[in-house]
Amino acid sequence: SEARSKLNDYVTAVKSIKPIVKHLSEMDKELEHIGQVTTVGD
């Protein structure tokens, strides 16, 4: 039962990766948009 509980925690953690991938994709788009007008700095 402890193993199943820990597995559920990791399944939840793995599911949280998907929105992070989406955020990184949006960051790349924002970076491209900024680069068309000004420098992107760091």
PDB file of all heavy atoms in Angstrom:
ATOM      1  N   SER A   1       0.835  -1.210   0.000  1.00  0.00           N
ATOM      2  CA  SER A   1       0.000   0.000   0.000  1.00  0.00           C
ATOM      3  C   SER A   1       0.869   1.259   0.000  1.00  0.00           C
ATOM      4  O   SER A   1       0.548   2.248  -0.668  1.00  0.00           O
ATOM      5  CB  SER A   1      -0.924   0.006   1.226  1.00  0.00           C
ATOM      6  OG  SER A   1      -0.166  -0.013   2.423  1.00  0.00           O
ATOM      7  N   GLU A   2       2.017   1.215   0.723  1.00  0.00           N
ATOM      8  CA  GLU A   2       2.946   2.346   0.705  1.00  0.00           C
ATOM      9  C   GLU A   2       3.539   2.522  -0.693  1.00  0.00           C
ATOM     10  O   GLU A   2       3.705   3.647  -1.171  1.00  0.00           O
ATOM     11  CB  GLU A   2       4.062   2.123   1.717  1.00  0.00           C
ATOM     12  CG  GLU A   2       3.631   2.287   3.168  1.00  0.00           C
ATOM     13  CD  GLU A   2       4.796   2.102   4.122  1.00  0.00           C
ATOM     14  OE1 GLU A   2       5.950   1.964   3.644  1.00  0.00           O
ATOM     15  OE2 GLU A   2       4.569   2.089   5.339  1.00  0.00           O
ATOM     16  N   ALA A   3       3.858   1.412  -1.338  1.00  0.00           N
ATOM     17  CA  ALA A   3       4.423   1.476  -2.691  1.00  0.00           C
ATOM     18  C   ALA A   3       3.414   2.082  -3.662  1.00  0.00           C
ATOM     19  O   ALA A   3       3.764   2.918  -4.502  1.00  0.00           O
ATOM     20  CB  ALA A   3       4.823   0.077  -3.159  1.00  0.00           C
ATOM     21  N   ARG A   4       2.147   1.678  -3.538  1.00  0.00           N
ATOM     22  CA  ARG A   4       1.117   2.226  -4.424  1.00  0.00           C
ATOM     23  C   ARG A   4       0.905   3.713  -4.160  1.00  0.00           C
ATOM     24  O   ARG A   4       0.696   4.495  -5.101  1.00  0.00           O
ATOM     25  CB  ARG A   4      -0.188   1.462  -4.223  1.00  0.00           C
ATOM     26  CG  ARG A   4      -0.170   0.071  -4.859  1.00  0.00           C
ATOM     27  CD  ARG A   4      -1.390  -0.711  -4.487  1.00  0.00           C
ATOM     28  NE  ARG A   4      -1.440  -1.995  -5.200  1.00  0.00           N
ATOM     29  CZ  ARG A   4      -2.167  -3.024  -4.809  1.00  0.00           C
ATOM     30  NH1 ARG A   4      -2.906  -2.927  -3.709  1.00  0.00           N
ATOM     31  NH2 ARG A   4      -2.157  -4.150  -5.496  1.00  0.00           N
ATOM     32  N   SER A   5       0.948   4.110  -2.897  1.00  0.00           N
ATOM     33  CA  SER A   5       0.796   5.524  -2.551  1.00  0.00           C
ATOM     34  C   SER A   5       1.937   6.350  -3.135  1.00  0.00           C
ATOM     35  O   SER A   5       1.716   7.429  -3.707  1.00  0.00           O
ATOM     36  CB  SER A   5       0.753   5.680  -1.032  1.00  0.00           C
ATOM     37  OG  SER A   5       0.698   7.035  -0.675  1.00  0.00           O
ATOM     38  N   LYS A   6       3.169   5.832  -3.007  1.00  0.00           N
ATOM     39  CA  LYS A   6       4.327   6.536  -3.558  1.00  0.00           C
ATOM     40  C   LYS A   6       4.242   6.591  -5.080  1.00  0.00           C
ATOM     41  O   LYS A   6       4.599   7.603  -5.704  1.00  0.00           O
ATOM     42  CB  LYS A   6       5.610   5.848  -3.116  1.00  0.00           C
ATOM     43  CG  LYS A   6       6.898   6.524  -3.587  1.00  0.00           C
ATOM     44  CD  LYS A   6       7.024   7.940  -3.057  1.00  0.00           C
ATOM     45  CE  LYS A   6       7.339   7.973  -1.593  1.00  0.00           C
ATOM     46  NZ  LYS A   6       7.632   9.367  -1.129  1.00  0.00           N
ATOM     47  N   LEU A   7       3.770   5.511  -5.694  1.00  0.00           N
ATOM     48  CA  LEU A   7       3.607   5.494  -7.153  1.00  0.00           C
ATOM     49  C   LEU A   7       2.608   6.562  -7.582  1.00  0.00           C
ATOM     50  O   LEU A   7       2.837   7.264  -8.583  1.00  0.00           O
ATOM     51  CB  LEU A   7       3.145   4.112  -7.617  1.00  0.00           C
ATOM     52  CG  LEU A   7       2.827   3.979  -9.113  1.00  0.00           C
ATOM     53  CD1 LEU A   7       4.055   4.281  -9.962  1.00  0.00           C
ATOM     54  CD2 LEU A   7       2.293   2.583  -9.426  1.00  0.00           C
ATOM     55  N   ASN A   8       1.507   6.707  -6.840  1.00  0.00           N
ATOM     56  CA  ASN A   8       0.517   7.747  -7.172  1.00  0.00           C
ATOM     57  C   ASN A   8       1.147   9.133  -7.105  1.00  0.00           C
ATOM     58  O   ASN A   8       0.860  10.002  -7.940  1.00  0.00           O
ATOM     59  CB  ASN A   8      -0.669   7.665  -6.206  1.00  0.00           C
ATOM     60  CG  ASN A   8      -1.550   6.466  -6.480  1.00  0.00           C
ATOM     61  OD1 ASN A   8      -1.595   5.966  -7.597  1.00  0.00           O
ATOM     62  ND2 ASN A   8      -2.254   5.987  -5.471  1.00  0.00           N
ATOM     63  N   ASP A   9       2.032   9.343  -6.096  1.00  0.00           N
ATOM     64  CA  ASP A   9       2.727  10.633  -5.991  1.00  0.00           C
ATOM     65  C   ASP A   9       3.576  10.886  -7.233  1.00  0.00           C
ATOM     66  O   ASP A   9       3.610  12.005  -7.769  1.00  0.00           O
ATOM     67  CB  ASP A   9       3.622  10.654  -4.750  1.00  0.00           C
ATOM     68  CG  ASP A   9       2.809  10.642  -3.456  1.00  0.00           C
ATOM     69  OD1 ASP A   9       1.612  10.957  -3.521  1.00  0.00           O
ATOM     70  OD2 ASP A   9       3.373  10.302  -2.399  1.00  0.00           O
ATOM     71  N   TYR A  10       4.276   9.837  -7.707  1.00  0.00           N
ATOM     72  CA  TYR A  10       5.143  10.002  -8.875  1.00  0.00           C
ATOM     73  C   TYR A  10       4.335  10.133 -10.158  1.00  0.00           C
ATOM     74  O   TYR A  10       4.730  10.862 -11.077  1.00  0.00           O
ATOM     75  CB  TYR A  10       6.124   8.825  -8.973  1.00  0.00           C
ATOM     76  CG  TYR A  10       7.426   9.104  -8.253  1.00  0.00           C
ATOM     77  CD1 TYR A  10       7.557   8.879  -6.890  1.00  0.00           C
ATOM     78  CD2 TYR A  10       8.525   9.638  -8.923  1.00  0.00           C
ATOM     79  CE1 TYR A  10       8.736   9.159  -6.213  1.00  0.00           C
ATOM     80  CE2 TYR A  10       9.707   9.920  -8.270  1.00  0.00           C
ATOM     81  CZ  TYR A  10       9.807   9.677  -6.916  1.00  0.00           C
ATOM     82  OH  TYR A  10      10.974   9.967  -6.255  1.00  0.00           O
ATOM     83  N   VAL A  11       3.198   9.439 -10.228  1.00  0.00           N
ATOM     84  CA  VAL A  11       2.329   9.592 -11.409  1.00  0.00           C
ATOM     85  C   VAL A  11       1.837  11.037 -11.498  1.00  0.00           C
ATOM     86  O   VAL A  11       1.821  11.645 -12.575  1.00  0.00           O
ATOM     87  CB  VAL A  11       1.138   8.611 -11.327  1.00  0.00           C
ATOM     88  CG1 VAL A  11       0.088   8.962 -12.376  1.00  0.00           C
ATOM     89  CG2 VAL A  11       1.615   7.178 -11.530  1.00  0.00           C
ATOM     90  N   THR A  12       1.460  11.604 -10.347  1.00  0.00           N
ATOM     91  CA  THR A  12       1.018  13.013 -10.312  1.00  0.00           C
ATOM     92  C   THR A  12       2.157  13.943 -10.732  1.00  0.00           C
ATOM     93  O   THR A  12       1.951  14.899 -11.489  1.00  0.00           O
ATOM     94  CB  THR A  12       0.545  13.379  -8.893  1.00  0.00           C
ATOM     95  OG1 THR A  12      -0.513  12.496  -8.507  1.00  0.00           O
ATOM     96  CG2 THR A  12       0.054  14.808  -8.846  1.00  0.00           C
ATOM     97  N   ALA A  13       3.373  13.634 -10.225  1.00  0.00           N
ATOM     98  CA  ALA A  13       4.537  14.463 -10.571  1.00  0.00           C
ATOM     99  C   ALA A  13       4.829  14.380 -12.073  1.00  0.00           C
ATOM    100  O   ALA A  13       5.161  15.384 -12.712  1.00  0.00           O
ATOM    101  CB  ALA A  13       5.755  14.015  -9.768  1.00  0.00           C
ATOM    102  N   VAL A  14       4.716  13.177 -12.638  1.00  0.00           N
ATOM    103  CA  VAL A  14       4.970  13.007 -14.083  1.00  0.00           C
ATOM    104  C   VAL A  14       3.923  13.760 -14.902  1.00  0.00           C
ATOM    105  O   VAL A  14       4.235  14.372 -15.936  1.00  0.00           O
ATOM    106  CB  VAL A  14       4.981  11.502 -14.443  1.00  0.00           C
ATOM    107  CG1 VAL A  14       4.956  11.317 -15.960  1.00  0.00           C
ATOM    108  CG2 VAL A  14       6.223  10.828 -13.869  1.00  0.00           C
ATOM    109  N   LYS A  15       2.674  13.742 -14.443  1.00  0.00           N
ATOM    110  CA  LYS A  15       1.619  14.467 -15.157  1.00  0.00           C
ATOM    111  C   LYS A  15       1.879  15.969 -15.168  1.00  0.00           C
ATOM    112  O   LYS A  15       1.461  16.672 -16.089  1.00  0.00           O
ATOM    113  CB  LYS A  15       0.258  14.182 -14.518  1.00  0.00           C
ATOM    114  CG  LYS A  15      -0.287  12.798 -14.816  1.00  0.00           C
ATOM    115  CD  LYS A  15      -1.640  12.591 -14.166  1.00  0.00           C
ATOM    116  CE  LYS A  15      -2.192  11.204 -14.479  1.00  0.00           C
ATOM    117  NZ  LYS A  15      -3.502  10.970 -13.802  1.00  0.00           N
ATOM    118  N   SER A  16       2.575  16.448 -14.110  1.00  0.00           N
ATOM    119  CA  SER A  16       2.850  17.895 -14.036  1.00  0.00           C
ATOM    120  C   SER A  16       3.890  18.327 -15.056  1.00  0.00           C
ATOM    121  O   SER A  16       4.115  19.531 -15.233  1.00  0.00           O
ATOM    122  CB  SER A  16       3.322  18.257 -12.624  1.00  0.00           C
ATOM    123  OG  SER A  16       4.617  17.736 -12.355  1.00  0.00           O
ATOM    124  N   ILE A  17       4.547  17.374 -15.731  1.00  0.00           N
ATOM    125  CA  ILE A  17       5.563  17.721 -16.741  1.00  0.00           C
ATOM    126  C   ILE A  17       4.904  18.367 -17.965  1.00  0.00           C
ATOM    127  O   ILE A  17       5.452  19.295 -18.567  1.00  0.00           O
ATOM    128  CB  ILE A  17       6.357  16.469 -17.172  1.00  0.00           C
ATOM    129  CG1 ILE A  17       7.162  15.923 -15.978  1.00  0.00           C
ATOM    130  CG2 ILE A  17       7.290  16.783 -18.338  1.00  0.00           C
ATOM    131  CD1 ILE A  17       7.843  14.597 -16.266  1.00  0.00           C
ATOM    132  N   LYS A  18       3.713  17.896 -18.312  1.00  0.00           N
ATOM    133  CA  LYS A  18       3.047  18.357 -19.543  1.00  0.00           C
ATOM    134  C   LYS A  18       2.852  19.871 -19.567  1.00  0.00           C
ATOM    135  O   LYS A  18       3.221  20.516 -20.567  1.00  0.00           O
ATOM    136  CB  LYS A  18       1.713  17.632 -19.701  1.00  0.00           C
ATOM    137  CG  LYS A  18       1.035  17.893 -21.029  1.00  0.00           C
ATOM    138  CD  LYS A  18      -0.209  17.040 -21.186  1.00  0.00           C
ATOM    139  CE  LYS A  18      -0.873  17.287 -22.533  1.00  0.00           C
ATOM    140  NZ  LYS A  18      -2.088  16.457 -22.699  1.00  0.00           N
ATOM    141  N   PRO A  19       2.276  20.497 -18.521  1.00  0.00           N
ATOM    142  CA  PRO A  19       2.143  21.963 -18.574  1.00  0.00           C
ATOM    143  C   PRO A  19       3.482  22.686 -18.599  1.00  0.00           C
ATOM    144  O   PRO A  19       3.586  23.770 -19.173  1.00  0.00           O
ATOM    145  CB  PRO A  19       1.353  22.289 -17.289  1.00  0.00           C
ATOM    146  CG  PRO A  19       1.452  21.091 -16.420  1.00  0.00           C
ATOM    147  CD  PRO A  19       1.603  19.938 -17.334  1.00  0.00           C
ATOM    148  N   ILE A  20       4.521  22.078 -17.998  1.00  0.00           N
ATOM    149  CA  ILE A  20       5.845  22.701 -18.021  1.00  0.00           C
ATOM    150  C   ILE A  20       6.391  22.712 -19.455  1.00  0.00           C
ATOM    151  O   ILE A  20       7.000  23.695 -19.895  1.00  0.00           O
ATOM    152  CB  ILE A  20       6.809  21.962 -17.073  1.00  0.00           C
ATOM    153  CG1 ILE A  20       6.330  22.079 -15.631  1.00  0.00           C
ATOM    154  CG2 ILE A  20       8.225  22.500 -17.205  1.00  0.00           C
ATOM    155  CD1 ILE A  20       6.188  23.497 -15.126  1.00  0.00           C
ATOM    156  N   VAL A  21       6.167  21.647 -20.183  1.00  0.00           N
ATOM    157  CA  VAL A  21       6.576  21.595 -21.597  1.00  0.00           C
ATOM    158  C   VAL A  21       5.862  22.702 -22.380  1.00  0.00           C
ATOM    159  O   VAL A  21       6.462  23.376 -23.222  1.00  0.00           O
ATOM    160  CB  VAL A  21       6.252  20.208 -22.193  1.00  0.00           C
ATOM    161  CG1 VAL A  21       6.498  20.203 -23.707  1.00  0.00           C
ATOM    162  CG2 VAL A  21       7.088  19.124 -21.534  1.00  0.00           C
ATOM    163  N   LYS A  22       4.577  22.872 -22.062  1.00  0.00           N
ATOM    164  CA  LYS A  22       3.805  23.925 -22.734  1.00  0.00           C
ATOM    165  C   LYS A  22       4.363  25.306 -22.378  1.00  0.00           C
ATOM    166  O   LYS A  22       4.500  26.179 -23.239  1.00  0.00           O
ATOM    167  CB  LYS A  22       2.340  23.821 -22.321  1.00  0.00           C
ATOM    168  CG  LYS A  22       1.441  24.804 -23.044  1.00  0.00           C
ATOM    169  CD  LYS A  22      -0.008  24.629 -22.609  1.00  0.00           C
ATOM    170  CE  LYS A  22      -0.906  25.625 -23.320  1.00  0.00           C
ATOM    171  NZ  LYS A  22      -2.324  25.497 -22.861  1.00  0.00           N
ATOM    172  N   HIS A  23       4.717  25.510 -21.108  1.00  0.00           N
ATOM    173  CA  HIS A  23       5.286  26.795 -20.685  1.00  0.00           C
ATOM    174  C   HIS A  23       6.588  27.088 -21.427  1.00  0.00           C
ATOM    175  O   HIS A  23       6.825  28.222 -21.861  1.00  0.00           O
ATOM    176  CB  HIS A  23       5.556  26.778 -19.175  1.00  0.00           C
ATOM    177  CG  HIS A  23       4.311  26.766 -18.342  1.00  0.00           C
ATOM    178  ND1 HIS A  23       3.096  27.201 -18.824  1.00  0.00           N
ATOM    179  CD2 HIS A  23       4.093  26.363 -17.052  1.00  0.00           C
ATOM    180  CE1 HIS A  23       2.181  27.071 -17.878  1.00  0.00           C
ATOM    181  NE2 HIS A  23       2.759  26.565 -16.801  1.00  0.00           N
ATOM    182  N   LEU A  24       7.439  26.072 -21.563  1.00  0.00           N
ATOM    183  CA  LEU A  24       8.714  26.257 -22.268  1.00  0.00           C
ATOM    184  C   LEU A  24       8.482  26.602 -23.729  1.00  0.00           C
ATOM    185  O   LEU A  24       9.199  27.432 -24.306  1.00  0.00           O
ATOM    186  CB  LEU A  24       9.571  24.996 -22.144  1.00  0.00           C
ATOM    187  CG  LEU A  24      10.162  24.731 -20.750  1.00  0.00           C
ATOM    188  CD1 LEU A  24      10.768  23.335 -20.679  1.00  0.00           C
ATOM    189  CD2 LEU A  24      11.224  25.775 -20.403  1.00  0.00           C
ATOM    190  N   SER A  25       7.487  25.980 -24.324  1.00  0.00           N
ATOM    191  CA  SER A  25       7.145  26.299 -25.719  1.00  0.00           C
ATOM    192  C   SER A  25       6.667  27.745 -25.838  1.00  0.00           C
ATOM    193  O   SER A  25       7.045  28.455 -26.780  1.00  0.00           O
ATOM    194  CB  SER A  25       6.056  25.339 -26.205  1.00  0.00           C
ATOM    195  OG  SER A  25       5.649  25.668 -27.512  1.00  0.00           O
ATOM    196  N   GLU A  26       5.852  28.188 -24.868  1.00  0.00           N
ATOM    197  CA  GLU A  26       5.373  29.576 -24.882  1.00  0.00           C
ATOM    198  C   GLU A  26       6.525  30.552 -24.654  1.00  0.00           C
ATOM    199  O   GLU A  26       6.570  31.631 -25.261  1.00  0.00           O
ATOM    200  CB  GLU A  26       4.306  29.758 -23.799  1.00  0.00           C
ATOM    201  CG  GLU A  26       2.993  29.032 -24.115  1.00  0.00           C
ATOM    202  CD  GLU A  26       2.009  29.098 -22.970  1.00  0.00           C
ATOM    203  OE1 GLU A  26       2.376  29.649 -21.908  1.00  0.00           O
ATOM    204  OE2 GLU A  26       0.880  28.589 -23.122  1.00  0.00           O
ATOM    205  N   MET A  27       7.476  30.173 -23.789  1.00  0.00           N
ATOM    206  CA  MET A  27       8.652  31.024 -23.557  1.00  0.00           C
ATOM    207  C   MET A  27       9.446  31.190 -24.846  1.00  0.00           C
ATOM    208  O   MET A  27       9.937  32.286 -25.161  1.00  0.00           O
ATOM    209  CB  MET A  27       9.547  30.392 -22.479  1.00  0.00           C
ATOM    210  CG  MET A  27       8.987  30.522 -21.057  1.00  0.00           C
ATOM    211  SD  MET A  27       9.908  29.524 -19.861  1.00  0.00           S
ATOM    212  CE  MET A  27      11.481  30.394 -19.847  1.00  0.00           C
ATOM    213  N   ASP A  28       9.565  30.117 -25.608  1.00  0.00           N
ATOM    214  CA  ASP A  28      10.302  30.186 -26.874  1.00  0.00           C
ATOM    215  C   ASP A  28       9.593  31.122 -27.856  1.00  0.00           C
ATOM    216  O   ASP A  28      10.243  31.905 -28.568  1.00  0.00           O
ATOM    217  CB  ASP A  28      10.422  28.773 -27.469  1.00  0.00           C
ATOM    218  CG  ASP A  28      11.332  28.735 -28.672  1.00  0.00           C
ATOM    219  OD1 ASP A  28      12.492  29.163 -28.556  1.00  0.00           O
ATOM    220  OD2 ASP A  28      10.879  28.294 -29.749  1.00  0.00           O
ATOM    221  N   LYS A  29       8.259  31.057 -27.870  1.00  0.00           N
ATOM    222  CA  LYS A  29       7.497  31.956 -28.756  1.00  0.00           C
ATOM    223  C   LYS A  29       7.658  33.413 -28.322  1.00  0.00           C
ATOM    224  O   LYS A  29       7.810  34.301 -29.168  1.00  0.00           O
ATOM    225  CB  LYS A  29       6.027  31.566 -28.735  1.00  0.00           C
ATOM    226  CG  LYS A  29       5.731  30.243 -29.416  1.00  0.00           C
ATOM    227  CD  LYS A  29       4.257  29.895 -29.318  1.00  0.00           C
ATOM    228  CE  LYS A  29       3.967  28.547 -29.978  1.00  0.00           C
ATOM    229  NZ  LYS A  29       2.538  28.173 -29.825  1.00  0.00           N
ATOM    230  N   GLU A  30       7.593  33.662 -27.004  1.00  0.00           N
ATOM    231  CA  GLU A  30       7.764  35.029 -26.509  1.00  0.00           C
ATOM    232  C   GLU A  30       9.164  35.544 -26.842  1.00  0.00           C
ATOM    233  O   GLU A  30       9.343  36.712 -27.209  1.00  0.00           O
ATOM    234  CB  GLU A  30       7.554  35.074 -24.983  1.00  0.00           C
ATOM    235  CG  GLU A  30       6.177  34.629 -24.507  1.00  0.00           C
ATOM    236  CD  GLU A  30       5.064  35.541 -24.962  1.00  0.00           C
ATOM    237  OE1 GLU A  30       5.338  36.566 -25.596  1.00  0.00           O
ATOM    238  OE2 GLU A  30       3.884  35.217 -24.699  1.00  0.00           O
ATOM    239  N   LEU A  31      10.152  34.677 -26.743  1.00  0.00           N
ATOM    240  CA  LEU A  31      11.530  35.051 -27.061  1.00  0.00           C
ATOM    241  C   LEU A  31      11.649  35.444 -28.529  1.00  0.00           C
ATOM    242  O   LEU A  31      12.299  36.457 -28.870  1.00  0.00           O
ATOM    243  CB  LEU A  31      12.458  33.867 -26.747  1.00  0.00           C
ATOM    244  CG  LEU A  31      13.962  34.157 -26.726  1.00  0.00           C
ATOM    245  CD1 LEU A  31      14.304  35.062 -25.557  1.00  0.00           C
ATOM    246  CD2 LEU A  31      14.748  32.860 -26.613  1.00  0.00           C
ATOM    247  N   GLU A  32      11.012  34.675 -29.389  1.00  0.00           N
ATOM    248  CA  GLU A  32      11.038  34.984 -30.824  1.00  0.00           C
ATOM    249  C   GLU A  32      10.344  36.317 -31.096  1.00  0.00           C
ATOM    250  O   GLU A  32      10.824  37.127 -31.904  1.00  0.00           O
ATOM    251  CB  GLU A  32      10.337  33.858 -31.587  1.00  0.00           C
ATOM    252  CG  GLU A  32      10.361  34.032 -33.097  1.00  0.00           C
ATOM    253  CD  GLU A  32       9.666  32.892 -33.820  1.00  0.00           C
ATOM    254  OE1 GLU A  32       9.287  31.912 -33.142  1.00  0.00           O
ATOM    255  OE2 GLU A  32       9.489  32.990 -35.042  1.00  0.00           O
ATOM    256  N   HIS A  33       9.233  36.565 -30.393  1.00  0.00           N
ATOM    257  CA  HIS A  33       8.496  37.815 -30.578  1.00  0.00           C
ATOM    258  C   HIS A  33       9.337  39.008 -30.121  1.00  0.00           C
ATOM    259  O   HIS A  33       9.384  40.045 -30.807  1.00  0.00           O
ATOM    260  CB  HIS A  33       7.193  37.755 -29.775  1.00  0.00           C
ATOM    261  CG  HIS A  33       6.347  38.978 -29.907  1.00  0.00           C
ATOM    262  ND1 HIS A  33       5.690  39.306 -31.071  1.00  0.00           N
ATOM    263  CD2 HIS A  33       6.068  39.981 -29.022  1.00  0.00           C
ATOM    264  CE1 HIS A  33       5.038  40.440 -30.901  1.00  0.00           C
ATOM    265  NE2 HIS A  33       5.246  40.875 -29.665  1.00  0.00           N
ATOM    266  N   ILE A  34      10.016  38.870 -28.996  1.00  0.00           N
ATOM    267  CA  ILE A  34      10.871  39.959 -28.486  1.00  0.00           C
ATOM    268  C   ILE A  34      12.023  40.223 -29.451  1.00  0.00           C
ATOM    269  O   ILE A  34      12.379  41.368 -29.742  1.00  0.00           O
ATOM    270  CB  ILE A  34      11.414  39.601 -27.085  1.00  0.00           C
ATOM    271  CG1 ILE A  34      10.273  39.514 -26.077  1.00  0.00           C
ATOM    272  CG2 ILE A  34      12.438  40.638 -26.624  1.00  0.00           C
ATOM    273  CD1 ILE A  34      10.657  38.892 -24.756  1.00  0.00           C
ATOM    274  N   GLY A  35      12.626  39.141 -29.967  1.00  0.00           N
ATOM    275  CA  GLY A  35      13.774  39.261 -30.857  1.00  0.00           C
ATOM    276  C   GLY A  35      13.472  39.963 -32.160  1.00  0.00           C
ATOM    277  O   GLY A  35      14.378  40.469 -32.834  1.00  0.00           O
ATOM    278  N   GLN A  36      12.204  40.032 -32.558  1.00  0.00           N
ATOM    279  CA  GLN A  36      11.839  40.729 -33.793  1.00  0.00           C
ATOM    280  C   GLN A  36      11.869  42.245 -33.629  1.00  0.00           C
ATOM    281  O   GLN A  36      11.892  42.979 -34.608  1.00  0.00           O
ATOM    282  CB  GLN A  36      10.438  40.281 -34.228  1.00  0.00           C
ATOM    283  CG  GLN A  36      10.382  38.837 -34.698  1.00  0.00           C
ATOM    284  CD  GLN A  36       8.961  38.404 -34.999  1.00  0.00           C
ATOM    285  OE1 GLN A  36       8.009  39.131 -34.734  1.00  0.00           O
ATOM    286  NE2 GLN A  36       8.822  37.207 -35.554  1.00  0.00           N
ATOM    287  N   VAL A  37      11.856  42.718 -32.367  1.00  0.00           N
ATOM    288  CA  VAL A  37      11.789  44.154 -32.111  1.00  0.00           C
ATOM    289  C   VAL A  37      13.029  44.669 -31.404  1.00  0.00           C
ATOM    290  O   VAL A  37      13.597  45.696 -31.760  1.00  0.00           O
ATOM    291  CB  VAL A  37      10.525  44.493 -31.274  1.00  0.00           C
ATOM    292  CG1 VAL A  37      10.431  45.993 -31.016  1.00  0.00           C
ATOM    293  CG2 VAL A  37       9.268  43.981 -31.974  1.00  0.00           C
ATOM    294  N   THR A  38      13.451  43.942 -30.362  1.00  0.00           N
ATOM    295  CA  THR A  38      14.592  44.384 -29.555  1.00  0.00           C
ATOM    296  C   THR A  38      15.504  43.200 -29.285  1.00  0.00           C
ATOM    297  O   THR A  38      15.236  42.076 -29.709  1.00  0.00           O
ATOM    298  CB  THR A  38      14.103  44.955 -28.212  1.00  0.00           C
ATOM    299  OG1 THR A  38      13.415  43.912 -27.494  1.00  0.00           O
ATOM    300  CG2 THR A  38      13.175  46.136 -28.407  1.00  0.00           C
ATOM    301  N   THR A  39      16.578  43.454 -28.543  1.00  0.00           N
ATOM    302  CA  THR A  39      17.453  42.364 -28.130  1.00  0.00           C
ATOM    303  C   THR A  39      16.763  41.532 -27.049  1.00  0.00           C
ATOM    304  O   THR A  39      15.914  42.041 -26.310  1.00  0.00           O
ATOM    305  CB  THR A  39      18.786  42.896 -27.576  1.00  0.00           C
ATOM    306  OG1 THR A  39      19.613  41.810 -27.219  1.00  0.00           O
ATOM    307  CG2 THR A  39      18.561  43.745 -26.336  1.00  0.00           C
ATOM    308  N   VAL A  40      17.133  40.256 -26.967  1.00  0.00           N
ATOM    309  CA  VAL A  40      16.513  39.379 -25.966  1.00  0.00           C
ATOM    310  C   VAL A  40      17.347  39.314 -24.691  1.00  0.00           C
ATOM    311  O   VAL A  40      16.947  38.663 -23.714  1.00  0.00           O
ATOM    312  CB  VAL A  40      16.318  37.955 -26.535  1.00  0.00           C
ATOM    313  CG1 VAL A  40      15.351  37.978 -27.696  1.00  0.00           C
ATOM    314  CG2 VAL A  40      17.652  37.333 -26.946  1.00  0.00           C
ATOM    315  N   GLY A  41      18.496  39.968 -24.701  1.00  0.00           N
ATOM    316  CA  GLY A  41      19.334  39.995 -23.502  1.00  0.00           C
ATOM    317  C   GLY A  41      19.739  38.598 -23.061  1.00  0.00           C
ATOM    318  O   GLY A  41      20.178  37.771 -23.867  1.00  0.00           O
ATOM    319  N   ASP A  42      19.555  38.318 -21.765  1.00  0.00           N
ATOM    320  CA  ASP A  42      19.939  37.015 -21.232  1.00  0.00           C
ATOM    321  C   ASP A  42      18.767  36.041 -21.208  1.00  0.00           C
ATOM    322  O   ASP A  42      18.839  34.985 -20.563  1.00  0.00           O
ATOM    323  CB  ASP A  42      20.500  37.162 -19.809  1.00  0.00           C
ATOM    324  CG  ASP A  42      19.466  37.721 -18.846  1.00  0.00           C
ATOM    325  OD1 ASP A  42      18.417  38.217 -19.322  1.00  0.00           O
ATOM    326  OD2 ASP A  42      19.687  37.627 -17.626  1.00  0.00           O
TER     327      ASP A  42
END
